[in-house]
C-alpha atoms as a PDB file:
ATOM      1  CA  UNK A   1       7.077  14.041  13.980  1.00  0.00           C
ATOM      2  CA  UNK A   2       7.603  12.396  10.615  1.00  0.00           C
ATOM      3  CA  UNK A   3       5.354  13.799   7.877  1.00  0.00           C
ATOM      4  CA  UNK A   4       3.767  11.806   5.013  1.00  0.00           C
ATOM      5  CA  UNK A   5       3.380  13.361   1.509  1.00  0.00           C
ATOM      6  CA  UNK A   6      -0.030  12.703  -0.014  1.00  0.00           C
ATOM      7  CA  UNK A   7      -0.454  13.454  -3.724  1.00  0.00           C
ATOM      8  CA  UNK A   8      -3.600  15.417  -4.521  1.00  0.00           C
ATOM      9  CA  UNK A   9      -4.718  12.584  -6.816  1.00  0.00           C
ATOM     10  CA  UNK A  10      -4.858  10.202  -3.836  1.00  0.00           C
ATOM     11  CA  UNK A  11      -7.397  12.359  -2.071  1.00  0.00           C
ATOM     12  CA  UNK A  12      -9.318  13.474  -5.161  1.00  0.00           C
ATOM     13  CA  UNK A  13      -9.067  17.180  -4.344  1.00  0.00           C
ATOM     14  CA  UNK A  14     -10.925  19.105  -1.610  1.00  0.00           C
ATOM     15  CA  UNK A  15     -14.174  17.213  -1.658  1.00  0.00           C
ATOM     16  CA  UNK A  16     -12.718  13.898  -0.719  1.00  0.00           C
ATOM     17  CA  UNK A  17     -10.315  15.466   1.760  1.00  0.00           C
ATOM     18  CA  UNK A  18     -13.261  17.044   3.516  1.00  0.00           C
ATOM     19  CA  UNK A  19     -15.090  13.653   3.621  1.00  0.00           C
ATOM     20  CA  UNK A  20     -11.979  12.040   5.111  1.00  0.00           C
ATOM     21  CA  UNK A  21     -11.432  14.595   7.854  1.00  0.00           C
ATOM     22  CA  UNK A  22     -15.094  14.828   8.866  1.00  0.00           C
ATOM     23  CA  UNK A  23     -14.693  11.736  10.943  1.00  0.00           C
ATOM     24  CA  UNK A  24     -12.298  13.596  13.218  1.00  0.00           C
ATOM     25  CA  UNK A  25     -14.458  16.613  14.095  1.00  0.00           C
ATOM     26  CA  UNK A  26     -12.226  19.351  15.505  1.00  0.00           C
ATOM     27  CA  UNK A  27      -9.070  17.437  14.781  1.00  0.00           C
ATOM     28  CA  UNK A  28     -10.207  17.022  11.221  1.00  0.00           C
ATOM     29  CA  UNK A  29     -10.580  20.829  10.802  1.00  0.00           C
ATOM     30  CA  UNK A  30      -6.988  21.176  12.086  1.00  0.00           C
ATOM     31  CA  UNK A  31      -5.902  18.586   9.524  1.00  0.00           C
ATOM     32  CA  UNK A  32      -7.666  20.353   6.676  1.00  0.00           C
ATOM     33  CA  UNK A  33      -5.984  23.673   7.501  1.00  0.00           C
ATOM     34  CA  UNK A  34      -2.625  21.825   7.797  1.00  0.00           C
ATOM     35  CA  UNK A  35      -3.124  20.116   4.451  1.00  0.00           C
ATOM     36  CA  UNK A  36      -3.620  23.485   2.710  1.00  0.00           C
ATOM     37  CA  UNK A  37      -1.012  25.491   4.624  1.00  0.00           C
ATOM     38  CA  UNK A  38       1.755  22.960   4.234  1.00  0.00           C
ATOM     39  CA  UNK A  39       1.958  23.944   0.559  1.00  0.00           C
ATOM     40  CA  UNK A  40       3.450  27.288   1.801  1.00  0.00           C
ATOM     41  CA  UNK A  41       7.156  27.813   2.233  1.00  0.00           C
ATOM     42  CA  UNK A  42       6.951  28.362   5.958  1.00  0.00           C
ATOM     43  CA  UNK A  43       5.972  25.661   8.437  1.00  0.00           C
ATOM     44  CA  UNK A  44       2.372  26.389   9.585  1.00  0.00           C
ATOM     45  CA  UNK A  45       3.069  25.080  13.128  1.00  0.00           C
ATOM     46  CA  UNK A  46       5.313  28.049  13.997  1.00  0.00           C
ATOM     47  CA  UNK A  47       4.032  31.378  15.253  1.00  0.00           C
ATOM     48  CA  UNK A  48       7.317  32.771  16.474  1.00  0.00           C
ATOM     49  CA  UNK A  49      10.901  32.904  15.360  1.00  0.00           C
ATOM     50  CA  UNK A  50      11.927  29.347  16.218  1.00  0.00           C
ATOM     51  CA  UNK A  51      14.619  27.856  13.969  1.00  0.00           C
ATOM     52  CA  UNK A  52      13.004  24.426  13.949  1.00  0.00           C
ATOM     53  CA  UNK A  53       9.485  23.149  14.497  1.00  0.00           C
ATOM     54  CA  UNK A  54       8.666  20.760  17.303  1.00  0.00           C
ATOM     55  CA  UNK A  55       5.988  19.196  15.173  1.00  0.00           C
ATOM     56  CA  UNK A  56       7.855  18.433  11.922  1.00  0.00           C
ATOM     57  CA  UNK A  57      11.565  19.320  12.334  1.00  0.00           C
ATOM     58  CA  UNK A  58      11.633  21.545   9.255  1.00  0.00           C
ATOM     59  CA  UNK A  59      13.456  24.844   9.392  1.00  0.00           C
ATOM     60  CA  UNK A  60      11.383  28.075   9.401  1.00  0.00           C
ATOM     61  CA  UNK A  61      12.496  29.140   5.929  1.00  0.00           C
ATOM     62  CA  UNK A  62      12.320  25.732   4.212  1.00  0.00           C
ATOM     63  CA  UNK A  63      10.214  25.065   1.158  1.00  0.00           C
ATOM     64  CA  UNK A  64       8.567  21.997   2.545  1.00  0.00           C
ATOM     65  CA  UNK A  65       6.743  20.505  -0.398  1.00  0.00           C
ATOM     66  CA  UNK A  66       5.956  21.276  -3.996  1.00  0.00           C
ATOM     67  CA  UNK A  67       2.706  23.201  -4.589  1.00  0.00           C
ATOM     68  CA  UNK A  68       1.008  20.109  -6.053  1.00  0.00           C
ATOM     69  CA  UNK A  69       1.504  18.133  -2.880  1.00  0.00           C
ATOM     70  CA  UNK A  70      -0.539  17.974   0.329  1.00  0.00           C
ATOM     71  CA  UNK A  71       0.898  16.635   3.590  1.00  0.00           C
ATOM     72  CA  UNK A  72      -0.442  15.329   6.847  1.00  0.00           C
ATOM     73  CA  UNK A  73       1.164  14.039  10.018  1.00  0.00           C
ATOM     74  CA  UNK A  74       1.589  10.287   9.834  1.00  0.00           C
ATOM     75  CA  UNK A  75      -0.100   9.987  13.264  1.00  0.00           C
ATOM     76  CA  UNK A  76      -3.345  11.406  11.800  1.00  0.00           C
ATOM     77  CA  UNK A  77      -3.407   9.680   8.446  1.00  0.00           C
ATOM     78  CA  UNK A  78      -4.436   6.276   9.743  1.00  0.00           C
ATOM     79  CA  UNK A  79      -7.283   7.800  11.761  1.00  0.00           C
ATOM     80  CA  UNK A  80      -8.517   9.919   8.868  1.00  0.00           C
ATOM     81  CA  UNK A  81      -8.496   7.142   6.339  1.00  0.00           C
ATOM     82  CA  UNK A  82      -9.708   4.223   8.435  1.00  0.00           C
ATOM     83  CA  UNK A  83     -13.443   4.308   7.509  1.00  0.00           C
ATOM     84  CA  UNK A  84     -12.505   4.813   3.842  1.00  0.00           C
ATOM     85  CA  UNK A  85      -9.833   2.142   3.905  1.00  0.00           C
ATOM     86  CA  UNK A  86     -12.321  -0.426   5.085  1.00  0.00           C
ATOM     87  CA  UNK A  87     -14.039   0.067   1.756  1.00  0.00           C
ATOM     88  CA  UNK A  88     -11.237  -1.897   0.111  1.00  0.00           C
ATOM     89  CA  UNK A  89     -11.820  -4.878   2.351  1.00  0.00           C
ATOM     90  CA  UNK A  90     -15.489  -4.731   1.606  1.00  0.00           C
ATOM     91  CA  UNK A  91     -14.754  -4.401  -2.126  1.00  0.00           C
ATOM     92  CA  UNK A  92     -12.564  -7.513  -2.045  1.00  0.00           C
ATOM     93  CA  UNK A  93     -15.066  -9.567  -0.126  1.00  0.00           C
ATOM     94  CA  UNK A  94     -17.864  -8.405  -2.414  1.00  0.00           C
ATOM     95  CA  UNK A  95     -15.761  -9.300  -5.490  1.00  0.00           C
ATOM     96  CA  UNK A  96     -15.206 -12.790  -4.164  1.00  0.00           C
ATOM     97  CA  UNK A  97     -18.875 -13.261  -3.332  1.00  0.00           C
ATOM     98  CA  UNK A  98     -19.968 -11.936  -6.721  1.00  0.00           C
ATOM     99  CA  UNK A  99     -17.800 -14.599  -8.428  1.00  0.00           C
ATOM    100  CA  UNK A 100     -18.886 -17.430  -6.168  1.00  0.00           C
ATOM    101  CA  UNK A 101     -15.451 -17.827  -4.583  1.00  0.00           C
ATOM    102  CA  UNK A 102     -15.171 -19.674  -1.266  1.00  0.00           C
ATOM    103  CA  UNK A 103     -12.901 -17.755   1.083  1.00  0.00           C
ATOM    104  CA  UNK A 104     -12.051 -17.126   4.673  1.00  0.00           C
ATOM    105  CA  UNK A 105     -11.289 -13.845   6.272  1.00  0.00           C
ATOM    106  CA  UNK A 106      -9.071 -13.447   9.340  1.00  0.00           C
ATOM    107  CA  UNK A 107      -7.820 -10.533  11.381  1.00  0.00           C
ATOM    108  CA  UNK A 108      -4.681 -10.141  13.491  1.00  0.00           C
ATOM    109  CA  UNK A 109      -2.695  -7.577  15.336  1.00  0.00           C
ATOM    110  CA  UNK A 110      -1.090  -4.930  13.066  1.00  0.00           C
ATOM    111  CA  UNK A 111       1.738  -6.364  10.904  1.00  0.00           C
ATOM    112  CA  UNK A 112       3.641  -4.386   8.330  1.00  0.00           C
ATOM    113  CA  UNK A 113       5.955  -6.788   6.480  1.00  0.00           C
ATOM    114  CA  UNK A 114       4.920  -9.945   4.617  1.00  0.00           C
ATOM    115  CA  UNK A 115       6.878 -12.093   7.021  1.00  0.00           C
ATOM    116  CA  UNK A 116       5.226 -10.416  10.026  1.00  0.00           C
ATOM    117  CA  UNK A 117       1.774 -10.979   8.479  1.00  0.00           C
ATOM    118  CA  UNK A 118       2.544 -14.657   7.916  1.00  0.00           C
ATOM    119  CA  UNK A 119       3.727 -14.978  11.495  1.00  0.00           C
ATOM    120  CA  UNK A 120       0.639 -13.195  12.867  1.00  0.00           C
ATOM    121  CA  UNK A 121      -1.568 -15.455  10.794  1.00  0.00           C
ATOM    122  CA  UNK A 122       0.382 -18.584  11.957  1.00  0.00           C
ATOM    123  CA  UNK A 123       0.752 -19.698   8.376  1.00  0.00           C
ATOM    124  CA  UNK A 124       3.829 -20.696   6.294  1.00  0.00           C
ATOM    125  CA  UNK A 125       5.459 -17.697   4.706  1.00  0.00           C
ATOM    126  CA  UNK A 126       5.572 -19.583   1.385  1.00  0.00           C
ATOM    127  CA  UNK A 127       1.744 -19.456   1.229  1.00  0.00           C
ATOM    128  CA  UNK A 128       1.271 -15.728   1.923  1.00  0.00           C
ATOM    129  CA  UNK A 129       1.348 -13.584  -1.208  1.00  0.00           C
ATOM    130  CA  UNK A 130       3.557 -10.517  -1.029  1.00  0.00           C
ATOM    131  CA  UNK A 131       2.226  -7.832  -3.396  1.00  0.00           C
ATOM    132  CA  UNK A 132       4.902  -5.518  -4.872  1.00  0.00           C
ATOM    133  CA  UNK A 133       4.017  -2.671  -7.265  1.00  0.00           C
ATOM    134  CA  UNK A 134       6.563  -1.569  -9.855  1.00  0.00           C
ATOM    135  CA  UNK A 135       6.801   1.308 -12.240  1.00  0.00           C
ATOM    136  CA  UNK A 136       8.035   0.423 -15.764  1.00  0.00           C
ATOM    137  CA  UNK A 137       8.080   1.690 -19.347  1.00  0.00           C
ATOM    138  CA  UNK A 138       4.365   1.129 -19.766  1.00  0.00           C
ATOM    139  CA  UNK A 139       3.131   2.185 -16.372  1.00  0.00           C
ATOM    140  CA  UNK A 140       2.506   0.274 -13.149  1.00  0.00           C
ATOM    141  CA  UNK A 141       2.157  -3.430 -12.526  1.00  0.00           C
ATOM    142  CA  UNK A 142       2.051  -5.979  -9.752  1.00  0.00           C
ATOM    143  CA  UNK A 143       4.581  -8.673  -8.795  1.00  0.00           C
ATOM    144  CA  UNK A 144       3.306 -11.440  -6.544  1.00  0.00           C
ATOM    145  CA  UNK A 145       5.670 -13.758  -4.681  1.00  0.00           C
ATOM    146  CA  UNK A 146       5.847 -15.671  -1.412  1.00  0.00           C
ATOM    147  CA  UNK A 147       6.404 -13.626   1.756  1.00  0.00           C
ATOM    148  CA  UNK A 148       9.856 -15.147   2.287  1.00  0.00           C
ATOM    149  CA  UNK A 149      11.159 -14.470  -1.247  1.00  0.00           C
ATOM    150  CA  UNK A 150      12.841 -11.463  -2.810  1.00  0.00           C
ATOM    151  CA  UNK A 151      12.550 -10.179  -6.361  1.00  0.00           C
ATOM    152  CA  UNK A 152      15.158 -10.374  -9.078  1.00  0.00           C
ATOM    153  CA  UNK A 153      14.384  -7.129 -10.919  1.00  0.00           C
ATOM    154  CA  UNK A 154      16.814  -7.898 -13.712  1.00  0.00           C
ATOM    155  CA  UNK A 155      14.816 -10.995 -14.494  1.00  0.00           C
ATOM    156  CA  UNK A 156      11.521  -9.114 -14.285  1.00  0.00           C
ATOM    157  CA  UNK A 157      12.865  -6.560 -16.727  1.00  0.00           C
ATOM    158  CA  UNK A 158      13.926  -9.317 -19.079  1.00  0.00           C
ATOM    159  CA  UNK A 159      10.638 -11.197 -18.822  1.00  0.00           C
ATOM    160  CA  UNK A 160       8.507  -8.114 -19.419  1.00  0.00           C
ATOM    161  CA  UNK A 161      10.805  -6.528 -22.057  1.00  0.00           C
ATOM    162  CA  UNK A 162      11.283  -3.409 -20.064  1.00  0.00           C
ATOM    163  CA  UNK A 163      14.199  -0.958 -20.348  1.00  0.00           C
ATOM    164  CA  UNK A 164      13.528   0.602 -16.936  1.00  0.00           C
ATOM    165  CA  UNK A 165      11.906  -0.720 -13.769  1.00  0.00           C
ATOM    166  CA  UNK A 166      11.712   0.496 -10.216  1.00  0.00           C
ATOM    167  CA  UNK A 167       9.616   0.087  -7.063  1.00  0.00           C
ATOM    168  CA  UNK A 168       6.625   2.416  -6.780  1.00  0.00           C
ATOM    169  CA  UNK A 169       7.173   5.059  -4.110  1.00  0.00           C
ATOM    170  CA  UNK A 170       5.053   5.384  -1.026  1.00  0.00           C
ATOM    171  CA  UNK A 171       3.411   8.483  -2.459  1.00  0.00           C
ATOM    172  CA  UNK A 172       2.576   6.654  -5.684  1.00  0.00           C
ATOM    173  CA  UNK A 173       1.088   3.762  -3.719  1.00  0.00           C
ATOM    174  CA  UNK A 174      -1.161   6.227  -1.906  1.00  0.00           C
ATOM    175  CA  UNK A 175      -2.281   7.688  -5.200  1.00  0.00           C
ATOM    176  CA  UNK A 176      -2.841   4.298  -6.801  1.00  0.00           C
ATOM    177  CA  UNK A 177      -4.614   2.672  -3.874  1.00  0.00           C
ATOM    178  CA  UNK A 178      -6.310   5.513  -1.895  1.00  0.00           C
ATOM    179  CA  UNK A 179      -8.630   2.925  -0.185  1.00  0.00           C
ATOM    180  CA  UNK A 180      -5.679   0.929   1.190  1.00  0.00           C
ATOM    181  CA  UNK A 181      -3.198   1.407   3.998  1.00  0.00           C
ATOM    182  CA  UNK A 182       0.218   1.919   2.470  1.00  0.00           C
ATOM    183  CA  UNK A 183       1.617  -1.387   1.366  1.00  0.00           C
ATOM    184  CA  UNK A 184      -1.517  -3.407   2.151  1.00  0.00           C
ATOM    185  CA  UNK A 185      -2.999  -3.458  -1.353  1.00  0.00           C
ATOM    186  CA  UNK A 186      -4.665  -6.720  -2.426  1.00  0.00           C
ATOM    187  CA  UNK A 187      -3.155  -8.755  -5.313  1.00  0.00           C
ATOM    188  CA  UNK A 188      -6.167  -8.168  -7.651  1.00  0.00           C
ATOM    189  CA  UNK A 189      -4.337  -6.259 -10.345  1.00  0.00           C
ATOM    190  CA  UNK A 190      -7.346  -6.667 -12.635  1.00  0.00           C
ATOM    191  CA  UNK A 191      -9.306  -4.397 -10.288  1.00  0.00           C
ATOM    192  CA  UNK A 192      -6.768  -1.676 -10.807  1.00  0.00           C
ATOM    193  CA  UNK A 193      -6.008  -2.183 -14.520  1.00  0.00           C
ATOM    194  CA  UNK A 194      -2.528  -3.508 -13.718  1.00  0.00           C
ATOM    195  CA  UNK A 195      -0.823  -6.496 -15.280  1.00  0.00           C
ATOM    196  CA  UNK A 196       0.037  -9.207 -12.696  1.00  0.00           C
ATOM    197  CA  UNK A 197       3.191 -11.349 -12.749  1.00  0.00           C
ATOM    198  CA  UNK A 198       3.004 -14.273 -10.344  1.00  0.00           C
ATOM    199  CA  UNK A 199       6.103 -16.152  -9.283  1.00  0.00           C
ATOM    200  CA  UNK A 200       5.984 -19.838 -10.035  1.00  0.00           C
ATOM    201  CA  UNK A 201       7.098 -20.731  -6.516  1.00  0.00           C
ATOM    202  CA  UNK A 202       3.628 -19.864  -5.221  1.00  0.00           C
ATOM    203  CA  UNK A 203       1.688 -20.419  -8.406  1.00  0.00           C
ATOM    204  CA  UNK A 204       0.917 -24.050  -7.633  1.00  0.00           C
ATOM    205  CA  UNK A 205      -0.040 -23.517  -3.968  1.00  0.00           C
ATOM    206  CA  UNK A 206      -3.290 -25.171  -3.067  1.00  0.00           C
ATOM    207  CA  UNK A 207      -4.283 -22.238  -0.800  1.00  0.00           C
ATOM    208  CA  UNK A 208      -2.885 -18.749  -0.490  1.00  0.00           C
ATOM    209  CA  UNK A 209      -3.481 -15.727   1.758  1.00  0.00           C
ATOM    210  CA  UNK A 210      -3.107 -12.038   1.044  1.00  0.00           C
ATOM    211  CA  UNK A 211      -3.646  -8.658   2.617  1.00  0.00           C
ATOM    212  CA  UNK A 212      -6.893  -6.878   1.787  1.00  0.00           C
ATOM    213  CA  UNK A 213      -6.438  -3.171   2.175  1.00  0.00           C
ATOM    214  CA  UNK A 214      -5.297  -3.081   5.828  1.00  0.00           C
ATOM    215  CA  UNK A 215      -2.424  -4.246   7.941  1.00  0.00           C
ATOM    216  CA  UNK A 216      -4.859  -6.362  10.029  1.00  0.00           C
ATOM    217  CA  UNK A 217      -6.960  -8.258   7.488  1.00  0.00           C
ATOM    218  CA  UNK A 218      -6.032 -11.316   5.432  1.00  0.00           C
ATOM    219  CA  UNK A 219      -8.172 -13.233   2.939  1.00  0.00           C
ATOM    220  CA  UNK A 220      -7.573 -16.853   2.161  1.00  0.00           C
ATOM    221  CA  UNK A 221      -8.660 -18.524  -1.086  1.00  0.00           C
ATOM    222  CA  UNK A 222      -7.673 -21.539  -3.178  1.00  0.00           C
ATOM    223  CA  UNK A 223      -4.884 -21.090  -5.620  1.00  0.00           C
ATOM    224  CA  UNK A 224      -7.116 -22.327  -8.459  1.00  0.00           C
ATOM    225  CA  UNK A 225      -9.744 -19.733  -7.659  1.00  0.00           C
ATOM    226  CA  UNK A 226      -7.183 -16.981  -7.566  1.00  0.00           C
ATOM    227  CA  UNK A 227      -5.825 -17.968 -11.023  1.00  0.00           C
ATOM    228  CA  UNK A 228      -9.398 -17.983 -12.413  1.00  0.00           C
ATOM    229  CA  UNK A 229     -10.093 -14.486 -11.017  1.00  0.00           C
ATOM    230  CA  UNK A 230      -6.847 -12.749 -11.871  1.00  0.00           C
ATOM    231  CA  UNK A 231      -5.376 -14.774 -14.713  1.00  0.00           C
ATOM    232  CA  UNK A 232      -1.782 -13.742 -13.913  1.00  0.00           C
ATOM    233  CA  UNK A 233       1.271 -14.364 -16.015  1.00  0.00           C
ATOM    234  CA  UNK A 234       3.407 -17.011 -14.255  1.00  0.00           C
ATOM    235  CA  UNK A 235       7.166 -16.995 -14.341  1.00  0.00           C
ATOM    236  CA  UNK A 236      10.177 -17.432 -12.150  1.00  0.00           C
ATOM    237  CA  UNK A 237      11.555 -14.078 -10.983  1.00  0.00           C
ATOM    238  CA  UNK A 238      12.282 -14.431  -7.214  1.00  0.00           C
ATOM    239  CA  UNK A 239      14.593 -16.293  -4.905  1.00  0.00           C
ATOM    240  CA  UNK A 240      14.179 -17.278  -1.330  1.00  0.00           C
ATOM    241  CA  UNK A 241      15.309 -14.617   1.072  1.00  0.00           C
ATOM    242  CA  UNK A 242      18.427 -15.746   3.029  1.00  0.00           C
ATOM    243  CA  UNK A 243      17.710 -16.395   6.712  1.00  0.00           C
ATOM    244  CA  UNK A 244      19.563 -13.771   8.763  1.00  0.00           C
ATOM    245  CA  UNK A 245      21.861 -15.179  11.442  1.00  0.00           C
ATOM    246  CA  UNK A 246      20.904 -14.240  14.953  1.00  0.00           C
ATOM    247  CA  UNK A 247      23.004 -11.462  16.332  1.00  0.00           C
END
């Protein structure tokens, strides 16, 4: 089983963890014990002298995670967070309604890459916003580009006057967007106190779509309304992703 590191900040300490796991009843109690015990140097799944654990593949004497980190099996994380994650979708829809924005909301089968989301929505990839979070000299920010484009980070560094830039890690995304499934954050950087850089290749689109906290939900709005809400900086920093030849 693959484990997923969850920074304490993403769960806001014990109180919020207990609220998350309460939806699972008995399984939640197991998860809470696991979250605490996995800070120890020995895997909590093992009661004997096994050299490896059937649950997590760590050795019996391994220091699994740093003391400031909590972990949970990936198979449980989605179940634990689902009611809480839906709050982000509600927050996005409420934000649009509050600002008088006309929108449509659609759902599809789970999709995890921007191209997969566009395909599931049966919409051109060039009109689906891919949200990428970076870490730079001054903190975190959002890069928005079409689903079928890739980022030129050297150009982003030049445009923003940064000396260092990198992608935010999965653990950082969980801490920054605790109400979202990993990688499904909406492009409203203004709601998270993050600067937003929008690629010019999608800046003039009449309508756009974007994920809204889950891997199933997409919101569609006009490009003009999105600009009015987010007021992003617009520049050219991405190129179209080459089409891979069929093997």
